[in-house]
């Protein structure tokens, strides 16, 4: 049986599969949103080879190695640290605030 620490449980609740998938969609890193880029690189200082380029075929694995994924991990770690330092008990993810569509008014005069 697995044993999860409290910080691990909070991290999973805050940054689990649904949140990560939404993040990847916003950054065009899903098969439905991905647009291949021409990544011809003539810079000899770059140690990546052509096998590290994102393609539709390798997107599922390579997207976890992108700068966007690194940013997600760093921001999630920072967010979790802030939650754990808060003296109030964890009460779950905050729900999204429903926003009015642009151009609509809240009241009429």
PDB file of N, CA and C in Angstrom:
ATOM      1  N   UNK A   1       0.841  -1.174   0.000  1.00  0.00           N
ATOM      2  CA  UNK A   1       0.000   0.000   0.000  1.00  0.00           C
ATOM      3  C   UNK A   1       0.887   1.238   0.000  1.00  0.00           C
ATOM      4  N   UNK A   2       0.523   2.212  -0.823  1.00  0.00           N
ATOM      5  CA  UNK A   2       1.305   3.442  -0.904  1.00  0.00           C
ATOM      6  C   UNK A   2       1.116   4.297   0.342  1.00  0.00           C
ATOM      7  N   UNK A   3       2.152   5.036   0.654  1.00  0.00           N
ATOM      8  CA  UNK A   3       2.096   5.975   1.769  1.00  0.00           C
ATOM      9  C   UNK A   3       2.401   7.363   1.217  1.00  0.00           C
ATOM     10  N   UNK A   4       1.464   8.273   1.358  1.00  0.00           N
ATOM     11  CA  UNK A   4       1.635   9.641   0.863  1.00  0.00           C
ATOM     12  C   UNK A   4       1.809  10.582   2.047  1.00  0.00           C
ATOM     13  N   UNK A   5       2.731  11.510   1.917  1.00  0.00           N
ATOM     14  CA  UNK A   5       2.894  12.529   2.947  1.00  0.00           C
ATOM     15  C   UNK A   5       1.839  13.611   2.721  1.00  0.00           C
ATOM     16  N   UNK A   6       1.607  14.393   3.737  1.00  0.00           N
ATOM     17  CA  UNK A   6       0.638  15.487   3.626  1.00  0.00           C
ATOM     18  C   UNK A   6       1.002  16.438   2.481  1.00  0.00           C
ATOM     19  N   UNK A   7       2.254  16.894   2.359  1.00  0.00           N
ATOM     20  CA  UNK A   7       2.593  17.766   1.221  1.00  0.00           C
ATOM     21  C   UNK A   7       2.353  17.106  -0.136  1.00  0.00           C
ATOM     22  N   UNK A   8       2.588  15.807  -0.255  1.00  0.00           N
ATOM     23  CA  UNK A   8       2.348  15.119  -1.520  1.00  0.00           C
ATOM     24  C   UNK A   8       0.859  15.090  -1.865  1.00  0.00           C
ATOM     25  N   UNK A   9       0.024  14.869  -0.865  1.00  0.00           N
ATOM     26  CA  UNK A   9      -1.422  14.853  -1.094  1.00  0.00           C
ATOM     27  C   UNK A   9      -1.892  16.236  -1.536  1.00  0.00           C
ATOM     28  N   UNK A  10      -1.434  17.272  -0.868  1.00  0.00           N
ATOM     29  CA  UNK A  10      -1.819  18.646  -1.230  1.00  0.00           C
ATOM     30  C   UNK A  10      -1.338  18.961  -2.641  1.00  0.00           C
ATOM     31  N   UNK A  11      -0.132  18.549  -2.970  1.00  0.00           N
ATOM     32  CA  UNK A  11       0.406  18.801  -4.314  1.00  0.00           C
ATOM     33  C   UNK A  11      -0.434  18.099  -5.371  1.00  0.00           C
ATOM     34  N   UNK A  12      -0.852  16.887  -5.104  1.00  0.00           N
ATOM     35  CA  UNK A  12      -1.682  16.163  -6.065  1.00  0.00           C
ATOM     36  C   UNK A  12      -3.059  16.816  -6.198  1.00  0.00           C
ATOM     37  N   UNK A  13      -3.624  17.259  -5.094  1.00  0.00           N
ATOM     38  CA  UNK A  13      -4.929  17.912  -5.152  1.00  0.00           C
ATOM     39  C   UNK A  13      -4.862  19.237  -5.899  1.00  0.00           C
ATOM     40  N   UNK A  14      -3.797  19.966  -5.699  1.00  0.00           N
ATOM     41  CA  UNK A  14      -3.666  21.288  -6.326  1.00  0.00           C
ATOM     42  C   UNK A  14      -3.174  21.226  -7.767  1.00  0.00           C
ATOM     43  N   UNK A  15      -2.338  20.277  -8.096  1.00  0.00           N
ATOM     44  CA  UNK A  15      -1.731  20.259  -9.425  1.00  0.00           C
ATOM     45  C   UNK A  15      -1.867  18.943 -10.137  1.00  0.00           C
ATOM     46  N   UNK A  16      -2.953  18.240  -9.908  1.00  0.00           N
ATOM     47  CA  UNK A  16      -3.141  16.913 -10.468  1.00  0.00           C
ATOM     48  C   UNK A  16      -3.404  16.907 -11.971  1.00  0.00           C
ATOM     49  N   UNK A  17      -3.884  15.786 -12.449  1.00  0.00           N
ATOM     50  CA  UNK A  17      -4.030  15.551 -13.880  1.00  0.00           C
ATOM     51  C   UNK A  17      -4.869  16.599 -14.592  1.00  0.00           C
ATOM     52  N   UNK A  18      -6.009  16.971 -14.033  1.00  0.00           N
ATOM     53  CA  UNK A  18      -6.895  17.932 -14.701  1.00  0.00           C
ATOM     54  C   UNK A  18      -6.200  19.285 -14.848  1.00  0.00           C
ATOM     55  N   UNK A  19      -5.558  19.762 -13.807  1.00  0.00           N
ATOM     56  CA  UNK A  19      -4.872  21.050 -13.864  1.00  0.00           C
ATOM     57  C   UNK A  19      -3.721  21.016 -14.862  1.00  0.00           C
ATOM     58  N   UNK A  20      -2.963  19.918 -14.860  1.00  0.00           N
ATOM     59  CA  UNK A  20      -1.834  19.800 -15.779  1.00  0.00           C
ATOM     60  C   UNK A  20      -2.319  19.720 -17.225  1.00  0.00           C
ATOM     61  N   UNK A  21      -3.374  18.968 -17.469  1.00  0.00           N
ATOM     62  CA  UNK A  21      -3.907  18.861 -18.828  1.00  0.00           C
ATOM     63  C   UNK A  21      -4.406  20.225 -19.320  1.00  0.00           C
ATOM     64  N   UNK A  22      -5.063  20.976 -18.463  1.00  0.00           N
ATOM     65  CA  UNK A  22      -5.515  22.321 -18.825  1.00  0.00           C
ATOM     66  C   UNK A  22      -4.323  23.215 -19.135  1.00  0.00           C
ATOM     67  N   UNK A  23      -3.261  23.108 -18.345  1.00  0.00           N
ATOM     68  CA  UNK A  23      -2.041  23.875 -18.585  1.00  0.00           C
ATOM     69  C   UNK A  23      -1.445  23.516 -19.940  1.00  0.00           C
ATOM     70  N   UNK A  24      -1.345  22.226 -20.230  1.00  0.00           N
ATOM     71  CA  UNK A  24      -0.801  21.794 -21.519  1.00  0.00           C
ATOM     72  C   UNK A  24      -1.669  22.284 -22.681  1.00  0.00           C
ATOM     73  N   UNK A  25      -2.975  22.309 -22.509  1.00  0.00           N
ATOM     74  CA  UNK A  25      -3.856  22.825 -23.560  1.00  0.00           C
ATOM     75  C   UNK A  25      -3.578  24.303 -23.812  1.00  0.00           C
ATOM     76  N   UNK A  26      -3.436  25.077 -22.750  1.00  0.00           N
ATOM     77  CA  UNK A  26      -3.167  26.514 -22.899  1.00  0.00           C
ATOM     78  C   UNK A  26      -1.839  26.768 -23.587  1.00  0.00           C
ATOM     79  N   UNK A  27      -0.897  25.835 -23.458  1.00  0.00           N
ATOM     80  CA  UNK A  27       0.427  26.000 -24.058  1.00  0.00           C
ATOM     81  C   UNK A  27       0.600  25.171 -25.322  1.00  0.00           C
ATOM     82  N   UNK A  28      -0.525  24.731 -25.899  1.00  0.00           N
ATOM     83  CA  UNK A  28      -0.534  23.976 -27.153  1.00  0.00           C
ATOM     84  C   UNK A  28       0.357  22.736 -27.085  1.00  0.00           C
ATOM     85  N   UNK A  29       0.259  22.015 -25.983  1.00  0.00           N
ATOM     86  CA  UNK A  29       1.056  20.805 -25.805  1.00  0.00           C
ATOM     87  C   UNK A  29       0.176  19.564 -25.671  1.00  0.00           C
ATOM     88  N   UNK A  30      -0.958  19.569 -26.371  1.00  0.00           N
ATOM     89  CA  UNK A  30      -1.792  18.377 -26.478  1.00  0.00           C
ATOM     90  C   UNK A  30      -1.896  18.029 -27.954  1.00  0.00           C
ATOM     91  N   UNK A  31      -2.274  16.799 -28.249  1.00  0.00           N
ATOM     92  CA  UNK A  31      -2.359  16.394 -29.658  1.00  0.00           C
ATOM     93  C   UNK A  31      -3.377  17.234 -30.428  1.00  0.00           C
ATOM     94  N   UNK A  32      -4.408  17.727 -29.757  1.00  0.00           N
ATOM     95  CA  UNK A  32      -5.421  18.547 -30.427  1.00  0.00           C
ATOM     96  C   UNK A  32      -4.967  19.986 -30.647  1.00  0.00           C
ATOM     97  N   UNK A  33      -4.043  20.470 -29.841  1.00  0.00           N
ATOM     98  CA  UNK A  33      -3.638  21.879 -29.923  1.00  0.00           C
ATOM     99  C   UNK A  33      -2.227  22.079 -30.451  1.00  0.00           C
ATOM    100  N   UNK A  34      -1.455  21.015 -30.567  1.00  0.00           N
ATOM    101  CA  UNK A  34      -0.043  21.129 -30.934  1.00  0.00           C
ATOM    102  C   UNK A  34       0.138  21.567 -32.378  1.00  0.00           C
ATOM    103  N   UNK A  35       1.031  22.525 -32.584  1.00  0.00           N
ATOM    104  CA  UNK A  35       1.415  22.970 -33.917  1.00  0.00           C
ATOM    105  C   UNK A  35       2.925  22.772 -34.024  1.00  0.00           C
ATOM    106  N   UNK A  36       3.374  21.850 -34.878  1.00  0.00           N
ATOM    107  CA  UNK A  36       4.821  21.610 -35.011  1.00  0.00           C
ATOM    108  C   UNK A  36       5.550  22.880 -35.435  1.00  0.00           C
ATOM    109  N   UNK A  37       6.703  23.091 -34.850  1.00  0.00           N
ATOM    110  CA  UNK A  37       7.528  24.256 -35.152  1.00  0.00           C
ATOM    111  C   UNK A  37       8.727  23.819 -35.968  1.00  0.00           C
ATOM    112  N   UNK A  38       9.188  24.683 -36.856  1.00  0.00           N
ATOM    113  CA  UNK A  38      10.422  24.426 -37.586  1.00  0.00           C
ATOM    114  C   UNK A  38      11.557  24.754 -36.631  1.00  0.00           C
ATOM    115  N   UNK A  39      12.256  23.745 -36.149  1.00  0.00           N
ATOM    116  CA  UNK A  39      13.272  23.946 -35.113  1.00  0.00           C
ATOM    117  C   UNK A  39      14.673  23.739 -35.645  1.00  0.00           C
ATOM    118  N   UNK A  40      14.931  24.182 -36.860  1.00  0.00           N
ATOM    119  CA  UNK A  40      16.283  24.088 -37.395  1.00  0.00           C
ATOM    120  C   UNK A  40      17.197  24.901 -36.507  1.00  0.00           C
ATOM    121  N   UNK A  41      18.238  24.280 -36.015  1.00  0.00           N
ATOM    122  CA  UNK A  41      19.116  24.940 -35.064  1.00  0.00           C
ATOM    123  C   UNK A  41      20.553  24.827 -35.555  1.00  0.00           C
ATOM    124  N   UNK A  42      21.142  25.967 -35.862  1.00  0.00           N
ATOM    125  CA  UNK A  42      22.533  25.974 -36.319  1.00  0.00           C
ATOM    126  C   UNK A  42      23.501  26.330 -35.204  1.00  0.00           C
ATOM    127  N   UNK A  43      23.006  26.462 -34.003  1.00  0.00           N
ATOM    128  CA  UNK A  43      23.837  26.844 -32.870  1.00  0.00           C
ATOM    129  C   UNK A  43      24.564  25.611 -32.343  1.00  0.00           C
ATOM    130  N   UNK A  44      25.876  25.609 -32.459  1.00  0.00           N
ATOM    131  CA  UNK A  44      26.667  24.458 -32.025  1.00  0.00           C
ATOM    132  C   UNK A  44      26.741  24.336 -30.506  1.00  0.00           C
ATOM    133  N   UNK A  45      26.394  25.401 -29.761  1.00  0.00           N
ATOM    134  CA  UNK A  45      26.442  25.352 -28.302  1.00  0.00           C
ATOM    135  C   UNK A  45      25.240  24.637 -27.707  1.00  0.00           C
ATOM    136  N   UNK A  46      24.222  24.404 -28.519  1.00  0.00           N
ATOM    137  CA  UNK A  46      23.038  23.719 -28.026  1.00  0.00           C
ATOM    138  C   UNK A  46      23.295  22.219 -28.064  1.00  0.00           C
ATOM    139  N   UNK A  47      23.113  21.552 -26.946  1.00  0.00           N
ATOM    140  CA  UNK A  47      23.428  20.132 -26.864  1.00  0.00           C
ATOM    141  C   UNK A  47      22.253  19.231 -27.196  1.00  0.00           C
ATOM    142  N   UNK A  48      21.119  19.819 -27.616  1.00  0.00           N
ATOM    143  CA  UNK A  48      19.986  18.971 -27.979  1.00  0.00           C
ATOM    144  C   UNK A  48      20.146  18.507 -29.415  1.00  0.00           C
ATOM    145  N   UNK A  49      19.652  17.320 -29.680  1.00  0.00           N
ATOM    146  CA  UNK A  49      19.715  16.832 -31.050  1.00  0.00           C
ATOM    147  C   UNK A  49      18.317  16.816 -31.642  1.00  0.00           C
ATOM    148  N   UNK A  50      18.184  16.445 -32.882  1.00  0.00           N
ATOM    149  CA  UNK A  50      16.890  16.492 -33.540  1.00  0.00           C
ATOM    150  C   UNK A  50      15.904  15.517 -32.928  1.00  0.00           C
ATOM    151  N   UNK A  51      16.356  14.502 -32.221  1.00  0.00           N
ATOM    152  CA  UNK A  51      15.437  13.571 -31.581  1.00  0.00           C
ATOM    153  C   UNK A  51      14.697  14.209 -30.412  1.00  0.00           C
ATOM    154  N   UNK A  52      15.156  15.353 -29.920  1.00  0.00           N
ATOM    155  CA  UNK A  52      14.505  16.028 -28.810  1.00  0.00           C
ATOM    156  C   UNK A  52      13.458  17.032 -29.272  1.00  0.00           C
ATOM    157  N   UNK A  53      13.261  17.196 -30.575  1.00  0.00           N
ATOM    158  CA  UNK A  53      12.248  18.116 -31.068  1.00  0.00           C
ATOM    159  C   UNK A  53      10.866  17.531 -30.834  1.00  0.00           C
ATOM    160  N   UNK A  54       9.937  18.405 -30.500  1.00  0.00           N
ATOM    161  CA  UNK A  54       8.570  17.960 -30.295  1.00  0.00           C
ATOM    162  C   UNK A  54       7.910  17.633 -31.623  1.00  0.00           C
ATOM    163  N   UNK A  55       7.280  16.488 -31.676  1.00  0.00           N
ATOM    164  CA  UNK A  55       6.478  16.087 -32.819  1.00  0.00           C
ATOM    165  C   UNK A  55       5.175  15.517 -32.277  1.00  0.00           C
ATOM    166  N   UNK A  56       4.197  15.350 -33.130  1.00  0.00           N
ATOM    167  CA  UNK A  56       2.941  14.756 -32.679  1.00  0.00           C
ATOM    168  C   UNK A  56       3.197  13.353 -32.129  1.00  0.00           C
ATOM    169  N   UNK A  57       4.126  12.632 -32.733  1.00  0.00           N
ATOM    170  CA  UNK A  57       4.424  11.259 -32.309  1.00  0.00           C
ATOM    171  C   UNK A  57       5.028  11.186 -30.906  1.00  0.00           C
ATOM    172  N   UNK A  58       5.892  12.145 -30.539  1.00  0.00           N
ATOM    173  CA  UNK A  58       6.560  12.066 -29.236  1.00  0.00           C
ATOM    174  C   UNK A  58       6.027  13.087 -28.230  1.00  0.00           C
ATOM    175  N   UNK A  59       4.976  13.783 -28.581  1.00  0.00           N
ATOM    176  CA  UNK A  59       4.447  14.855 -27.736  1.00  0.00           C
ATOM    177  C   UNK A  59       4.075  14.382 -26.336  1.00  0.00           C
ATOM    178  N   UNK A  60       3.454  13.217 -26.240  1.00  0.00           N
ATOM    179  CA  UNK A  60       2.995  12.728 -24.932  1.00  0.00           C
ATOM    180  C   UNK A  60       4.118  12.608 -23.922  1.00  0.00           C
ATOM    181  N   UNK A  61       5.307  12.226 -24.369  1.00  0.00           N
ATOM    182  CA  UNK A  61       6.426  12.085 -23.441  1.00  0.00           C
ATOM    183  C   UNK A  61       7.280  13.352 -23.355  1.00  0.00           C
ATOM    184  N   UNK A  62       7.523  13.988 -24.478  1.00  0.00           N
ATOM    185  CA  UNK A  62       8.438  15.125 -24.512  1.00  0.00           C
ATOM    186  C   UNK A  62       7.863  16.376 -23.866  1.00  0.00           C
ATOM    187  N   UNK A  63       6.537  16.519 -23.798  1.00  0.00           N
ATOM    188  CA  UNK A  63       5.971  17.751 -23.233  1.00  0.00           C
ATOM    189  C   UNK A  63       6.334  17.924 -21.764  1.00  0.00           C
ATOM    190  N   UNK A  64       6.652  16.835 -21.086  1.00  0.00           N
ATOM    191  CA  UNK A  64       7.060  16.931 -19.684  1.00  0.00           C
ATOM    192  C   UNK A  64       8.474  17.475 -19.526  1.00  0.00           C
ATOM    193  N   UNK A  65       9.219  17.562 -20.631  1.00  0.00           N
ATOM    194  CA  UNK A  65      10.597  18.052 -20.609  1.00  0.00           C
ATOM    195  C   UNK A  65      10.714  19.462 -21.168  1.00  0.00           C
ATOM    196  N   UNK A  66       9.587  20.118 -21.433  1.00  0.00           N
ATOM    197  CA  UNK A  66       9.608  21.464 -22.010  1.00  0.00           C
ATOM    198  C   UNK A  66       9.834  22.507 -20.931  1.00  0.00           C
ATOM    199  N   UNK A  67      10.166  23.719 -21.368  1.00  0.00           N
ATOM    200  CA  UNK A  67      10.299  24.840 -20.435  1.00  0.00           C
ATOM    201  C   UNK A  67       8.960  25.138 -19.772  1.00  0.00           C
ATOM    202  N   UNK A  68       7.872  24.954 -20.509  1.00  0.00           N
ATOM    203  CA  UNK A  68       6.543  25.175 -19.942  1.00  0.00           C
ATOM    204  C   UNK A  68       6.287  24.217 -18.781  1.00  0.00           C
ATOM    205  N   UNK A  69       6.665  22.946 -18.938  1.00  0.00           N
ATOM    206  CA  UNK A  69       6.473  21.968 -17.866  1.00  0.00           C
ATOM    207  C   UNK A  69       7.350  22.288 -16.658  1.00  0.00           C
ATOM    208  N   UNK A  70       8.577  22.734 -16.912  1.00  0.00           N
ATOM    209  CA  UNK A  70       9.458  23.149 -15.814  1.00  0.00           C
ATOM    210  C   UNK A  70       8.838  24.314 -15.058  1.00  0.00           C
ATOM    211  N   UNK A  71       8.298  25.277 -15.805  1.00  0.00           N
ATOM    212  CA  UNK A  71       7.621  26.417 -15.188  1.00  0.00           C
ATOM    213  C   UNK A  71       6.451  25.939 -14.327  1.00  0.00           C
ATOM    214  N   UNK A  72       5.658  25.002 -14.839  1.00  0.00           N
ATOM    215  CA  UNK A  72       4.517  24.461 -14.097  1.00  0.00           C
ATOM    216  C   UNK A  72       4.982  23.838 -12.782  1.00  0.00           C
ATOM    217  N   UNK A  73       6.015  23.019 -12.852  1.00  0.00           N
ATOM    218  CA  UNK A  73       6.525  22.364 -11.636  1.00  0.00           C
ATOM    219  C   UNK A  73       7.026  23.385 -10.616  1.00  0.00           C
ATOM    220  N   UNK A  74       7.784  24.381 -11.093  1.00  0.00           N
ATOM    221  CA  UNK A  74       8.328  25.389 -10.180  1.00  0.00           C
ATOM    222  C   UNK A  74       7.214  26.199  -9.528  1.00  0.00           C
ATOM    223  N   UNK A  75       6.222  26.613 -10.324  1.00  0.00           N
ATOM    224  CA  UNK A  75       5.119  27.391  -9.779  1.00  0.00           C
ATOM    225  C   UNK A  75       4.258  26.563  -8.840  1.00  0.00           C
ATOM    226  N   UNK A  76       4.057  25.297  -9.164  1.00  0.00           N
ATOM    227  CA  UNK A  76       3.292  24.425  -8.280  1.00  0.00           C
ATOM    228  C   UNK A  76       4.029  24.232  -6.957  1.00  0.00           C
ATOM    229  N   UNK A  77       5.332  24.000  -7.004  1.00  0.00           N
ATOM    230  CA  UNK A  77       6.115  23.858  -5.772  1.00  0.00           C
ATOM    231  C   UNK A  77       6.018  25.115  -4.909  1.00  0.00           C
ATOM    232  N   UNK A  78       6.116  26.274  -5.546  1.00  0.00           N
ATOM    233  CA  UNK A  78       6.006  27.550  -4.822  1.00  0.00           C
ATOM    234  C   UNK A  78       4.611  27.696  -4.206  1.00  0.00           C
ATOM    235  N   UNK A  79       3.596  27.360  -4.968  1.00  0.00           N
ATOM    236  CA  UNK A  79       2.208  27.446  -4.490  1.00  0.00           C
ATOM    237  C   UNK A  79       1.989  26.513  -3.296  1.00  0.00           C
ATOM    238  N   UNK A  80       2.493  25.289  -3.394  1.00  0.00           N
ATOM    239  CA  UNK A  80       2.330  24.315  -2.306  1.00  0.00           C
ATOM    240  C   UNK A  80       3.066  24.781  -1.056  1.00  0.00           C
ATOM    241  N   UNK A  81       4.249  25.337  -1.242  1.00  0.00           N
ATOM    242  CA  UNK A  81       5.004  25.852  -0.094  1.00  0.00           C
ATOM    243  C   UNK A  81       4.210  26.948   0.616  1.00  0.00           C
ATOM    244  N   UNK A  82       3.592  27.842  -0.163  1.00  0.00           N
ATOM    245  CA  UNK A  82       2.769  28.900   0.431  1.00  0.00           C
ATOM    246  C   UNK A  82       1.570  28.315   1.169  1.00  0.00           C
ATOM    247  N   UNK A  83       0.938  27.302   0.605  1.00  0.00           N
ATOM    248  CA  UNK A  83      -0.199  26.670   1.275  1.00  0.00           C
ATOM    249  C   UNK A  83       0.222  26.013   2.589  1.00  0.00           C
ATOM    250  N   UNK A  84       1.369  25.355   2.579  1.00  0.00           N
ATOM    251  CA  UNK A  84       1.821  24.655   3.778  1.00  0.00           C
ATOM    252  C   UNK A  84       2.266  25.614   4.880  1.00  0.00           C
ATOM    253  N   UNK A  85       2.714  26.801   4.480  1.00  0.00           N
ATOM    254  CA  UNK A  85       3.126  27.798   5.471  1.00  0.00           C
ATOM    255  C   UNK A  85       1.939  28.543   6.064  1.00  0.00           C
ATOM    256  N   UNK A  86       0.786  28.463   5.421  1.00  0.00           N
ATOM    257  CA  UNK A  86      -0.418  29.136   5.894  1.00  0.00           C
ATOM    258  C   UNK A  86      -0.934  28.413   7.136  1.00  0.00           C
ATOM    259  N   UNK A  87      -1.188  29.161   8.221  1.00  0.00           N
ATOM    260  CA  UNK A  87      -1.640  28.502   9.452  1.00  0.00           C
ATOM    261  C   UNK A  87      -3.066  27.951   9.352  1.00  0.00           C
ATOM    262  N   UNK A  88      -3.843  28.392   8.364  1.00  0.00           N
ATOM    263  CA  UNK A  88      -5.212  27.898   8.218  1.00  0.00           C
ATOM    264  C   UNK A  88      -5.175  26.501   7.607  1.00  0.00           C
ATOM    265  N   UNK A  89      -6.111  25.644   8.005  1.00  0.00           N
ATOM    266  CA  UNK A  89      -6.139  24.298   7.423  1.00  0.00           C
ATOM    267  C   UNK A  89      -6.522  24.339   5.944  1.00  0.00           C
ATOM    268  N   UNK A  90      -6.050  23.370   5.194  1.00  0.00           N
ATOM    269  CA  UNK A  90      -6.349  23.283   3.771  1.00  0.00           C
ATOM    270  C   UNK A  90      -7.829  22.992   3.581  1.00  0.00           C
ATOM    271  N   UNK A  91      -8.467  23.769   2.718  1.00  0.00           N
ATOM    272  CA  UNK A  91      -9.906  23.600   2.488  1.00  0.00           C
ATOM    273  C   UNK A  91     -10.234  23.254   1.041  1.00  0.00           C
ATOM    274  N   UNK A  92      -9.258  22.846   0.282  1.00  0.00           N
ATOM    275  CA  UNK A  92      -9.508  22.441  -1.094  1.00  0.00           C
ATOM    276  C   UNK A  92      -9.190  23.545  -2.082  1.00  0.00           C
ATOM    277  N   UNK A  93      -9.238  23.173  -3.352  1.00  0.00           N
ATOM    278  CA  UNK A  93      -8.966  24.131  -4.418  1.00  0.00           C
ATOM    279  C   UNK A  93     -10.028  25.208  -4.429  1.00  0.00           C
ATOM    280  N   UNK A  94      -9.592  26.427  -4.699  1.00  0.00           N
ATOM    281  CA  UNK A  94     -10.543  27.518  -4.840  1.00  0.00           C
ATOM    282  C   UNK A  94     -11.284  27.336  -6.159  1.00  0.00           C
ATOM    283  N   UNK A  95     -12.567  27.593  -6.131  1.00  0.00           N
ATOM    284  CA  UNK A  95     -13.352  27.461  -7.355  1.00  0.00           C
ATOM    285  C   UNK A  95     -13.163  28.696  -8.211  1.00  0.00           C
ATOM    286  N   UNK A  96     -13.341  28.502  -9.495  1.00  0.00           N
ATOM    287  CA  UNK A  96     -13.204  29.616 -10.422  1.00  0.00           C
ATOM    288  C   UNK A  96     -14.359  30.587 -10.236  1.00  0.00           C
ATOM    289  N   UNK A  97     -14.053  31.851 -10.401  1.00  0.00           N
ATOM    290  CA  UNK A  97     -15.080  32.881 -10.347  1.00  0.00           C
ATOM    291  C   UNK A  97     -15.697  32.972 -11.740  1.00  0.00           C
ATOM    292  N   UNK A  98     -17.028  32.888 -11.800  1.00  0.00           N
ATOM    293  CA  UNK A  98     -17.679  33.033 -13.097  1.00  0.00           C
ATOM    294  C   UNK A  98     -17.557  34.479 -13.533  1.00  0.00           C
ATOM    295  N   UNK A  99     -17.117  34.656 -14.744  1.00  0.00           N
ATOM    296  CA  UNK A  99     -16.941  36.003 -15.285  1.00  0.00           C
ATOM    297  C   UNK A  99     -18.012  36.264 -16.323  1.00  0.00           C
ATOM    298  N   UNK A 100     -18.436  37.506 -16.360  1.00  0.00           N
ATOM    299  CA  UNK A 100     -19.400  37.916 -17.377  1.00  0.00           C
ATOM    300  C   UNK A 100     -18.708  37.957 -18.725  1.00  0.00           C
ATOM    301  N   UNK A 101     -19.423  37.619 -19.779  1.00  0.00           N
ATOM    302  CA  UNK A 101     -18.846  37.789 -21.115  1.00  0.00           C
ATOM    303  C   UNK A 101     -18.553  39.266 -21.362  1.00  0.00           C
ATOM    304  N   UNK A 102     -17.503  39.523 -22.117  1.00  0.00           N
ATOM    305  CA  UNK A 102     -17.132  40.912 -22.430  1.00  0.00           C
ATOM    306  C   UNK A 102     -18.296  41.614 -23.110  1.00  0.00           C
ATOM    307  N   UNK A 103     -18.491  42.864 -22.753  1.00  0.00           N
ATOM    308  CA  UNK A 103     -19.532  43.664 -23.382  1.00  0.00           C
ATOM    309  C   UNK A 103     -20.864  43.594 -22.696  1.00  0.00           C
ATOM    310  N   UNK A 104     -21.003  42.763 -21.645  1.00  0.00           N
ATOM    311  CA  UNK A 104     -22.273  42.715 -20.922  1.00  0.00           C
ATOM    312  C   UNK A 104     -22.191  43.641 -19.732  1.00  0.00           C
ATOM    313  N   UNK A 105     -23.334  44.153 -19.335  1.00  0.00           N
ATOM    314  CA  UNK A 105     -23.392  45.085 -18.211  1.00  0.00           C
ATOM    315  C   UNK A 105     -23.985  44.405 -16.999  1.00  0.00           C
ATOM    316  N   UNK A 106     -23.606  44.888 -15.822  1.00  0.00           N
ATOM    317  CA  UNK A 106     -24.133  44.303 -14.587  1.00  0.00           C
ATOM    318  C   UNK A 106     -25.469  44.940 -14.231  1.00  0.00           C
ATOM    319  N   UNK A 107     -25.681  46.170 -14.615  1.00  0.00           N
ATOM    320  CA  UNK A 107     -26.958  46.813 -14.311  1.00  0.00           C
ATOM    321  C   UNK A 107     -27.296  47.787 -15.435  1.00  0.00           C
ATOM    322  N   UNK A 108     -28.545  48.074 -15.541  1.00  0.00           N
ATOM    323  CA  UNK A 108     -28.983  49.042 -16.547  1.00  0.00           C
ATOM    324  C   UNK A 108     -29.396  50.318 -15.861  1.00  0.00           C
ATOM    325  N   UNK A 109     -29.186  51.424 -16.542  1.00  0.00           N
ATOM    326  CA  UNK A 109     -29.508  52.732 -15.953  1.00  0.00           C
ATOM    327  C   UNK A 109     -30.772  53.268 -16.582  1.00  0.00           C
TER     328      UNK A 109
END
